[in-house]
Amino acid sequence: MEGNSTSAIVAKATREMDESLAGVMPSSWHGHARLIIADSDLSNEQREFATRLSERLLDKGKVATAKKAGALGVTHAREKLE
């Protein structure tokens, strides 16, 4: 994220919200996946792919926890978008 672009500001605010709520939200909460993805060393394109994939996995009930969905998103993003 560069400078004070709108996307950088939104990403920072989202991360701060996710971090503040992580301790009280259920394991299926999408914010857990977003934190896993944000902490990974991915390009912006890979991060977007990982986020979309983790959201689909959670929404369709394919994984038990958001942390697992985030980890799978990161893994697949690295494989697909090297």
PDB file of N, CA and C in Angstrom:
ATOM      1  N   MET A   1       0.842  -1.173   0.000  1.00  0.00           N
ATOM      2  CA  MET A   1       0.000   0.000   0.000  1.00  0.00           C
ATOM      3  C   MET A   1       0.887   1.235   0.000  1.00  0.00           C
ATOM      4  N   GLU A   2       0.557   2.133  -0.886  1.00  0.00           N
ATOM      5  CA  GLU A   2       1.389   3.307  -1.023  1.00  0.00           C
ATOM      6  C   GLU A   2       0.638   4.562  -0.593  1.00  0.00           C
ATOM      7  N   GLY A   3       1.347   5.421   0.086  1.00  0.00           N
ATOM      8  CA  GLY A   3       0.822   6.729   0.424  1.00  0.00           C
ATOM      9  C   GLY A   3      -0.518   6.712   1.121  1.00  0.00           C
ATOM     10  N   ASN A   4      -1.322   7.706   0.805  1.00  0.00           N
ATOM     11  CA  ASN A   4      -2.632   7.845   1.427  1.00  0.00           C
ATOM     12  C   ASN A   4      -3.753   7.603   0.425  1.00  0.00           C
ATOM     13  N   SER A   5      -3.542   6.699  -0.519  1.00  0.00           N
ATOM     14  CA  SER A   5      -4.599   6.407  -1.478  1.00  0.00           C
ATOM     15  C   SER A   5      -5.817   5.888  -0.737  1.00  0.00           C
ATOM     16  N   THR A   6      -6.957   6.019  -1.360  1.00  0.00           N
ATOM     17  CA  THR A   6      -8.202   5.568  -0.736  1.00  0.00           C
ATOM     18  C   THR A   6      -8.129   4.096  -0.386  1.00  0.00           C
ATOM     19  N   SER A   7      -7.592   3.275  -1.293  1.00  0.00           N
ATOM     20  CA  SER A   7      -7.527   1.840  -1.009  1.00  0.00           C
ATOM     21  C   SER A   7      -6.606   1.542   0.167  1.00  0.00           C
ATOM     22  N   ALA A   8      -5.535   2.301   0.317  1.00  0.00           N
ATOM     23  CA  ALA A   8      -4.624   2.101   1.448  1.00  0.00           C
ATOM     24  C   ALA A   8      -5.300   2.486   2.760  1.00  0.00           C
ATOM     25  N   ILE A   9      -6.063   3.547   2.731  1.00  0.00           N
ATOM     26  CA  ILE A   9      -6.766   3.999   3.933  1.00  0.00           C
ATOM     27  C   ILE A   9      -7.832   2.981   4.331  1.00  0.00           C
ATOM     28  N   VAL A  10      -8.574   2.494   3.346  1.00  0.00           N
ATOM     29  CA  VAL A  10      -9.620   1.499   3.621  1.00  0.00           C
ATOM     30  C   VAL A  10      -8.991   0.211   4.143  1.00  0.00           C
ATOM     31  N   ALA A  11      -7.894  -0.232   3.532  1.00  0.00           N
ATOM     32  CA  ALA A  11      -7.220  -1.456   3.972  1.00  0.00           C
ATOM     33  C   ALA A  11      -6.729  -1.326   5.406  1.00  0.00           C
ATOM     34  N   LYS A  12      -6.180  -0.165   5.741  1.00  0.00           N
ATOM     35  CA  LYS A  12      -5.688   0.049   7.104  1.00  0.00           C
ATOM     36  C   LYS A  12      -6.845   0.046   8.107  1.00  0.00           C
ATOM     37  N   ALA A  13      -7.933   0.705   7.759  1.00  0.00           N
ATOM     38  CA  ALA A  13      -9.094   0.747   8.658  1.00  0.00           C
ATOM     39  C   ALA A  13      -9.701  -0.641   8.832  1.00  0.00           C
ATOM     40  N   THR A  14      -9.769  -1.405   7.741  1.00  0.00           N
ATOM     41  CA  THR A  14     -10.310  -2.764   7.821  1.00  0.00           C
ATOM     42  C   THR A  14      -9.444  -3.625   8.715  1.00  0.00           C
ATOM     43  N   ARG A  15      -8.140  -3.527   8.553  1.00  0.00           N
ATOM     44  CA  ARG A  15      -7.233  -4.321   9.384  1.00  0.00           C
ATOM     45  C   ARG A  15      -7.387  -3.954  10.861  1.00  0.00           C
ATOM     46  N   GLU A  16      -7.448  -2.666  11.159  1.00  0.00           N
ATOM     47  CA  GLU A  16      -7.602  -2.237  12.552  1.00  0.00           C
ATOM     48  C   GLU A  16      -8.910  -2.768  13.141  1.00  0.00           C
ATOM     49  N   MET A  17      -9.985  -2.727  12.359  1.00  0.00           N
ATOM     50  CA  MET A  17     -11.266  -3.247  12.831  1.00  0.00           C
ATOM     51  C   MET A  17     -11.174  -4.754  13.055  1.00  0.00           C
ATOM     52  N   ASP A  18     -10.582  -5.465  12.084  1.00  0.00           N
ATOM     53  CA  ASP A  18     -10.447  -6.913  12.211  1.00  0.00           C
ATOM     54  C   ASP A  18      -9.638  -7.286  13.445  1.00  0.00           C
ATOM     55  N   GLU A  19      -8.536  -6.583  13.674  1.00  0.00           N
ATOM     56  CA  GLU A  19      -7.696  -6.880  14.835  1.00  0.00           C
ATOM     57  C   GLU A  19      -8.442  -6.628  16.138  1.00  0.00           C
ATOM     58  N   SER A  20      -9.228  -5.558  16.177  1.00  0.00           N
ATOM     59  CA  SER A  20      -9.926  -5.232  17.425  1.00  0.00           C
ATOM     60  C   SER A  20     -11.074  -6.201  17.718  1.00  0.00           C
ATOM     61  N   LEU A  21     -11.643  -6.805  16.691  1.00  0.00           N
ATOM     62  CA  LEU A  21     -12.778  -7.712  16.875  1.00  0.00           C
ATOM     63  C   LEU A  21     -12.398  -9.189  16.913  1.00  0.00           C
ATOM     64  N   ALA A  22     -11.193  -9.514  16.520  1.00  0.00           N
ATOM     65  CA  ALA A  22     -10.787 -10.918  16.363  1.00  0.00           C
ATOM     66  C   ALA A  22     -10.998 -11.756  17.622  1.00  0.00           C
ATOM     67  N   GLY A  23     -10.779 -11.180  18.776  1.00  0.00           N
ATOM     68  CA  GLY A  23     -10.891 -11.944  20.016  1.00  0.00           C
ATOM     69  C   GLY A  23     -12.309 -12.278  20.446  1.00  0.00           C
ATOM     70  N   VAL A  24     -13.293 -11.603  19.886  1.00  0.00           N
ATOM     71  CA  VAL A  24     -14.669 -11.815  20.317  1.00  0.00           C
ATOM     72  C   VAL A  24     -15.576 -12.396  19.235  1.00  0.00           C
ATOM     73  N   MET A  25     -15.054 -12.557  18.047  1.00  0.00           N
ATOM     74  CA  MET A  25     -15.877 -13.045  16.941  1.00  0.00           C
ATOM     75  C   MET A  25     -15.764 -14.564  16.818  1.00  0.00           C
ATOM     76  N   PRO A  26     -16.796 -15.210  16.260  1.00  0.00           N
ATOM     77  CA  PRO A  26     -16.771 -16.672  16.100  1.00  0.00           C
ATOM     78  C   PRO A  26     -15.724 -17.099  15.076  1.00  0.00           C
ATOM     79  N   SER A  27     -15.347 -18.355  15.116  1.00  0.00           N
ATOM     80  CA  SER A  27     -14.291 -18.867  14.231  1.00  0.00           C
ATOM     81  C   SER A  27     -14.676 -18.802  12.753  1.00  0.00           C
ATOM     82  N   SER A  28     -15.942 -18.629  12.453  1.00  0.00           N
ATOM     83  CA  SER A  28     -16.387 -18.552  11.063  1.00  0.00           C
ATOM     84  C   SER A  28     -16.376 -17.118  10.510  1.00  0.00           C
ATOM     85  N   TRP A  29     -16.002 -16.149  11.315  1.00  0.00           N
ATOM     86  CA  TRP A  29     -16.001 -14.752  10.913  1.00  0.00           C
ATOM     87  C   TRP A  29     -14.944 -14.486   9.844  1.00  0.00           C
ATOM     88  N   HIS A  30     -15.329 -13.821   8.766  1.00  0.00           N
ATOM     89  CA  HIS A  30     -14.443 -13.548   7.638  1.00  0.00           C
ATOM     90  C   HIS A  30     -13.199 -12.736   8.018  1.00  0.00           C
ATOM     91  N   GLY A  31     -13.283 -11.960   9.063  1.00  0.00           N
ATOM     92  CA  GLY A  31     -12.135 -11.156   9.492  1.00  0.00           C
ATOM     93  C   GLY A  31     -10.920 -11.990   9.854  1.00  0.00           C
ATOM     94  N   HIS A  32     -11.135 -13.192  10.384  1.00  0.00           N
ATOM     95  CA  HIS A  32      -9.998 -14.068  10.692  1.00  0.00           C
ATOM     96  C   HIS A  32      -9.235 -14.416   9.418  1.00  0.00           C
ATOM     97  N   ALA A  33      -9.966 -14.700   8.341  1.00  0.00           N
ATOM     98  CA  ALA A  33      -9.328 -15.004   7.052  1.00  0.00           C
ATOM     99  C   ALA A  33      -8.602 -13.772   6.516  1.00  0.00           C
ATOM    100  N   ARG A  34      -9.231 -12.602   6.627  1.00  0.00           N
ATOM    101  CA  ARG A  34      -8.591 -11.372   6.135  1.00  0.00           C
ATOM    102  C   ARG A  34      -7.269 -11.118   6.847  1.00  0.00           C
ATOM    103  N   LEU A  35      -7.210 -11.389   8.156  1.00  0.00           N
ATOM    104  CA  LEU A  35      -5.961 -11.181   8.898  1.00  0.00           C
ATOM    105  C   LEU A  35      -4.873 -12.144   8.439  1.00  0.00           C
ATOM    106  N   ILE A  36      -5.229 -13.398   8.215  1.00  0.00           N
ATOM    107  CA  ILE A  36      -4.253 -14.385   7.717  1.00  0.00           C
ATOM    108  C   ILE A  36      -3.707 -13.914   6.371  1.00  0.00           C
ATOM    109  N   ILE A  37      -4.604 -13.483   5.508  1.00  0.00           N
ATOM    110  CA  ILE A  37      -4.201 -13.044   4.168  1.00  0.00           C
ATOM    111  C   ILE A  37      -3.361 -11.775   4.245  1.00  0.00           C
ATOM    112  N   ALA A  38      -3.752 -10.826   5.079  1.00  0.00           N
ATOM    113  CA  ALA A  38      -3.002  -9.571   5.211  1.00  0.00           C
ATOM    114  C   ALA A  38      -1.596  -9.804   5.740  1.00  0.00           C
ATOM    115  N   ASP A  39      -1.427 -10.821   6.587  1.00  0.00           N
ATOM    116  CA  ASP A  39      -0.115 -11.112   7.166  1.00  0.00           C
ATOM    117  C   ASP A  39       0.794 -11.904   6.227  1.00  0.00           C
ATOM    118  N   SER A  40       0.253 -12.347   5.108  1.00  0.00           N
ATOM    119  CA  SER A  40       1.059 -13.130   4.164  1.00  0.00           C
ATOM    120  C   SER A  40       1.816 -12.201   3.221  1.00  0.00           C
ATOM    121  N   ASP A  41       2.815 -12.741   2.596  1.00  0.00           N
ATOM    122  CA  ASP A  41       3.637 -11.970   1.661  1.00  0.00           C
ATOM    123  C   ASP A  41       3.100 -12.197   0.249  1.00  0.00           C
ATOM    124  N   LEU A  42       1.967 -11.567  -0.051  1.00  0.00           N
ATOM    125  CA  LEU A  42       1.327 -11.721  -1.353  1.00  0.00           C
ATOM    126  C   LEU A  42       1.294 -10.392  -2.090  1.00  0.00           C
ATOM    127  N   SER A  43       1.271 -10.477  -3.402  1.00  0.00           N
ATOM    128  CA  SER A  43       1.063  -9.277  -4.204  1.00  0.00           C
ATOM    129  C   SER A  43      -0.395  -8.852  -4.050  1.00  0.00           C
ATOM    130  N   ASN A  44      -0.728  -7.661  -4.522  1.00  0.00           N
ATOM    131  CA  ASN A  44      -2.118  -7.202  -4.432  1.00  0.00           C
ATOM    132  C   ASN A  44      -3.050  -8.138  -5.189  1.00  0.00           C
ATOM    133  N   GLU A  45      -2.625  -8.591  -6.363  1.00  0.00           N
ATOM    134  CA  GLU A  45      -3.438  -9.515  -7.162  1.00  0.00           C
ATOM    135  C   GLU A  45      -3.659 -10.832  -6.413  1.00  0.00           C
ATOM    136  N   GLN A  46      -2.598 -11.360  -5.818  1.00  0.00           N
ATOM    137  CA  GLN A  46      -2.718 -12.596  -5.052  1.00  0.00           C
ATOM    138  C   GLN A  46      -3.605 -12.399  -3.830  1.00  0.00           C
ATOM    139  N   ARG A  47      -3.478 -11.257  -3.170  1.00  0.00           N
ATOM    140  CA  ARG A  47      -4.279 -10.965  -1.980  1.00  0.00           C
ATOM    141  C   ARG A  47      -5.761 -10.910  -2.339  1.00  0.00           C
ATOM    142  N   GLU A  48      -6.094 -10.281  -3.457  1.00  0.00           N
ATOM    143  CA  GLU A  48      -7.490 -10.218  -3.898  1.00  0.00           C
ATOM    144  C   GLU A  48      -8.014 -11.613  -4.219  1.00  0.00           C
ATOM    145  N   PHE A  49      -7.207 -12.419  -4.897  1.00  0.00           N
ATOM    146  CA  PHE A  49      -7.599 -13.797  -5.219  1.00  0.00           C
ATOM    147  C   PHE A  49      -7.839 -14.593  -3.941  1.00  0.00           C
ATOM    148  N   ALA A  50      -6.914 -14.497  -3.004  1.00  0.00           N
ATOM    149  CA  ALA A  50      -7.019 -15.238  -1.747  1.00  0.00           C
ATOM    150  C   ALA A  50      -8.259 -14.815  -0.955  1.00  0.00           C
ATOM    151  N   THR A  51      -8.546 -13.541  -0.959  1.00  0.00           N
ATOM    152  CA  THR A  51      -9.718 -13.039  -0.243  1.00  0.00           C
ATOM    153  C   THR A  51     -11.003 -13.561  -0.872  1.00  0.00           C
ATOM    154  N   ARG A  52     -11.097 -13.479  -2.199  1.00  0.00           N
ATOM    155  CA  ARG A  52     -12.301 -13.987  -2.881  1.00  0.00           C
ATOM    156  C   ARG A  52     -12.479 -15.482  -2.636  1.00  0.00           C
ATOM    157  N   LEU A  53     -11.393 -16.240  -2.723  1.00  0.00           N
ATOM    158  CA  LEU A  53     -11.478 -17.680  -2.508  1.00  0.00           C
ATOM    159  C   LEU A  53     -11.900 -17.996  -1.078  1.00  0.00           C
ATOM    160  N   SER A  54     -11.287 -17.340  -0.104  1.00  0.00           N
ATOM    161  CA  SER A  54     -11.638 -17.622   1.290  1.00  0.00           C
ATOM    162  C   SER A  54     -13.101 -17.287   1.564  1.00  0.00           C
ATOM    163  N   GLU A  55     -13.592 -16.197   0.981  1.00  0.00           N
ATOM    164  CA  GLU A  55     -14.997 -15.833   1.166  1.00  0.00           C
ATOM    165  C   GLU A  55     -15.917 -16.901   0.572  1.00  0.00           C
ATOM    166  N   ARG A  56     -15.575 -17.409  -0.618  1.00  0.00           N
ATOM    167  CA  ARG A  56     -16.395 -18.463  -1.234  1.00  0.00           C
ATOM    168  C   ARG A  56     -16.380 -19.727  -0.394  1.00  0.00           C
ATOM    169  N   LEU A  57     -15.208 -20.106   0.094  1.00  0.00           N
ATOM    170  CA  LEU A  57     -15.103 -21.312   0.917  1.00  0.00           C
ATOM    171  C   LEU A  57     -15.960 -21.201   2.172  1.00  0.00           C
ATOM    172  N   LEU A  58     -15.921 -20.050   2.810  1.00  0.00           N
ATOM    173  CA  LEU A  58     -16.712 -19.844   4.029  1.00  0.00           C
ATOM    174  C   LEU A  58     -18.211 -19.796   3.730  1.00  0.00           C
ATOM    175  N   ASP A  59     -18.566 -19.062   2.700  1.00  0.00           N
ATOM    176  CA  ASP A  59     -19.984 -18.910   2.377  1.00  0.00           C
ATOM    177  C   ASP A  59     -20.633 -20.236   1.972  1.00  0.00           C
ATOM    178  N   LYS A  60     -19.860 -21.100   1.353  1.00  0.00           N
ATOM    179  CA  LYS A  60     -20.395 -22.396   0.927  1.00  0.00           C
ATOM    180  C   LYS A  60     -20.216 -23.490   1.970  1.00  0.00           C
ATOM    181  N   GLY A  61     -19.611 -23.141   3.109  1.00  0.00           N
ATOM    182  CA  GLY A  61     -19.432 -24.105   4.191  1.00  0.00           C
ATOM    183  C   GLY A  61     -18.424 -25.199   3.875  1.00  0.00           C
ATOM    184  N   LYS A  62     -17.446 -24.896   3.040  1.00  0.00           N
ATOM    185  CA  LYS A  62     -16.444 -25.888   2.625  1.00  0.00           C
ATOM    186  C   LYS A  62     -15.335 -26.079   3.648  1.00  0.00           C
ATOM    187  N   VAL A  63     -15.192 -25.143   4.582  1.00  0.00           N
ATOM    188  CA  VAL A  63     -14.166 -25.229   5.625  1.00  0.00           C
ATOM    189  C   VAL A  63     -14.803 -24.929   6.976  1.00  0.00           C
ATOM    190  N   ALA A  64     -14.182 -25.437   8.015  1.00  0.00           N
ATOM    191  CA  ALA A  64     -14.750 -25.288   9.363  1.00  0.00           C
ATOM    192  C   ALA A  64     -14.476 -23.921   9.971  1.00  0.00           C
ATOM    193  N   THR A  65     -13.339 -23.312   9.630  1.00  0.00           N
ATOM    194  CA  THR A  65     -12.988 -22.032  10.249  1.00  0.00           C
ATOM    195  C   THR A  65     -12.493 -21.034   9.204  1.00  0.00           C
ATOM    196  N   ALA A  66     -12.606 -19.763   9.546  1.00  0.00           N
ATOM    197  CA  ALA A  66     -12.122 -18.708   8.658  1.00  0.00           C
ATOM    198  C   ALA A  66     -10.598 -18.727   8.554  1.00  0.00           C
ATOM    199  N   LYS A  67      -9.926 -19.116   9.633  1.00  0.00           N
ATOM    200  CA  LYS A  67      -8.462 -19.201   9.571  1.00  0.00           C
ATOM    201  C   LYS A  67      -8.033 -20.234   8.536  1.00  0.00           C
ATOM    202  N   LYS A  68      -8.735 -21.356   8.482  1.00  0.00           N
ATOM    203  CA  LYS A  68      -8.440 -22.388   7.486  1.00  0.00           C
ATOM    204  C   LYS A  68      -8.728 -21.852   6.084  1.00  0.00           C
ATOM    205  N   ALA A  69      -9.824 -21.139   5.922  1.00  0.00           N
ATOM    206  CA  ALA A  69     -10.161 -20.553   4.624  1.00  0.00           C
ATOM    207  C   ALA A  69      -9.086 -19.563   4.180  1.00  0.00           C
ATOM    208  N   GLY A  70      -8.605 -18.740   5.112  1.00  0.00           N
ATOM    209  CA  GLY A  70      -7.546 -17.787   4.782  1.00  0.00           C
ATOM    210  C   GLY A  70      -6.264 -18.471   4.379  1.00  0.00           C
ATOM    211  N   ALA A  71      -5.899 -19.517   5.109  1.00  0.00           N
ATOM    212  CA  ALA A  71      -4.677 -20.259   4.787  1.00  0.00           C
ATOM    213  C   ALA A  71      -4.786 -20.927   3.417  1.00  0.00           C
ATOM    214  N   LEU A  72      -5.943 -21.502   3.121  1.00  0.00           N
ATOM    215  CA  LEU A  72      -6.146 -22.110   1.804  1.00  0.00           C
ATOM    216  C   LEU A  72      -6.110 -21.053   0.706  1.00  0.00           C
ATOM    217  N   GLY A  73      -6.696 -19.903   0.977  1.00  0.00           N
ATOM    218  CA  GLY A  73      -6.655 -18.814   0.004  1.00  0.00           C
ATOM    219  C   GLY A  73      -5.234 -18.387  -0.316  1.00  0.00           C
ATOM    220  N   VAL A  74      -4.418 -18.255   0.722  1.00  0.00           N
ATOM    221  CA  VAL A  74      -3.012 -17.872   0.529  1.00  0.00           C
ATOM    222  C   VAL A  74      -2.277 -18.927  -0.291  1.00  0.00           C
ATOM    223  N   THR A  75      -2.449 -20.190   0.074  1.00  0.00           N
ATOM    224  CA  THR A  75      -1.768 -21.279  -0.629  1.00  0.00           C
ATOM    225  C   THR A  75      -2.149 -21.310  -2.106  1.00  0.00           C
ATOM    226  N   HIS A  76      -3.437 -21.250  -2.389  1.00  0.00           N
ATOM    227  CA  HIS A  76      -3.886 -21.310  -3.771  1.00  0.00           C
ATOM    228  C   HIS A  76      -3.490 -20.073  -4.558  1.00  0.00           C
ATOM    229  N   ALA A  77      -3.483 -18.916  -3.919  1.00  0.00           N
ATOM    230  CA  ALA A  77      -3.062 -17.686  -4.600  1.00  0.00           C
ATOM    231  C   ALA A  77      -1.603 -17.789  -5.014  1.00  0.00           C
ATOM    232  N   ARG A  78      -0.775 -18.336  -4.140  1.00  0.00           N
ATOM    233  CA  ARG A  78       0.641 -18.501  -4.486  1.00  0.00           C
ATOM    234  C   ARG A  78       0.820 -19.486  -5.633  1.00  0.00           C
ATOM    235  N   GLU A  79       0.055 -20.570  -5.610  1.00  0.00           N
ATOM    236  CA  GLU A  79       0.157 -21.580  -6.671  1.00  0.00           C
ATOM    237  C   GLU A  79      -0.339 -21.056  -8.016  1.00  0.00           C
ATOM    238  N   LYS A  80      -1.459 -20.372  -8.008  1.00  0.00           N
ATOM    239  CA  LYS A  80      -2.098 -19.925  -9.253  1.00  0.00           C
ATOM    240  C   LYS A  80      -1.476 -18.669  -9.853  1.00  0.00           C
ATOM    241  N   LEU A  81      -0.976 -17.801  -9.001  1.00  0.00           N
ATOM    242  CA  LEU A  81      -0.508 -16.481  -9.455  1.00  0.00           C
ATOM    243  C   LEU A  81       0.942 -16.242  -9.064  1.00  0.00           C
ATOM    244  N   GLU A  82       1.809 -17.112  -9.453  1.00  0.00           N
ATOM    245  CA  GLU A  82       3.227 -16.988  -9.076  1.00  0.00           C
ATOM    246  C   GLU A  82       3.866 -15.781  -9.670  1.00  0.00           C
TER     247      GLU A  82
END
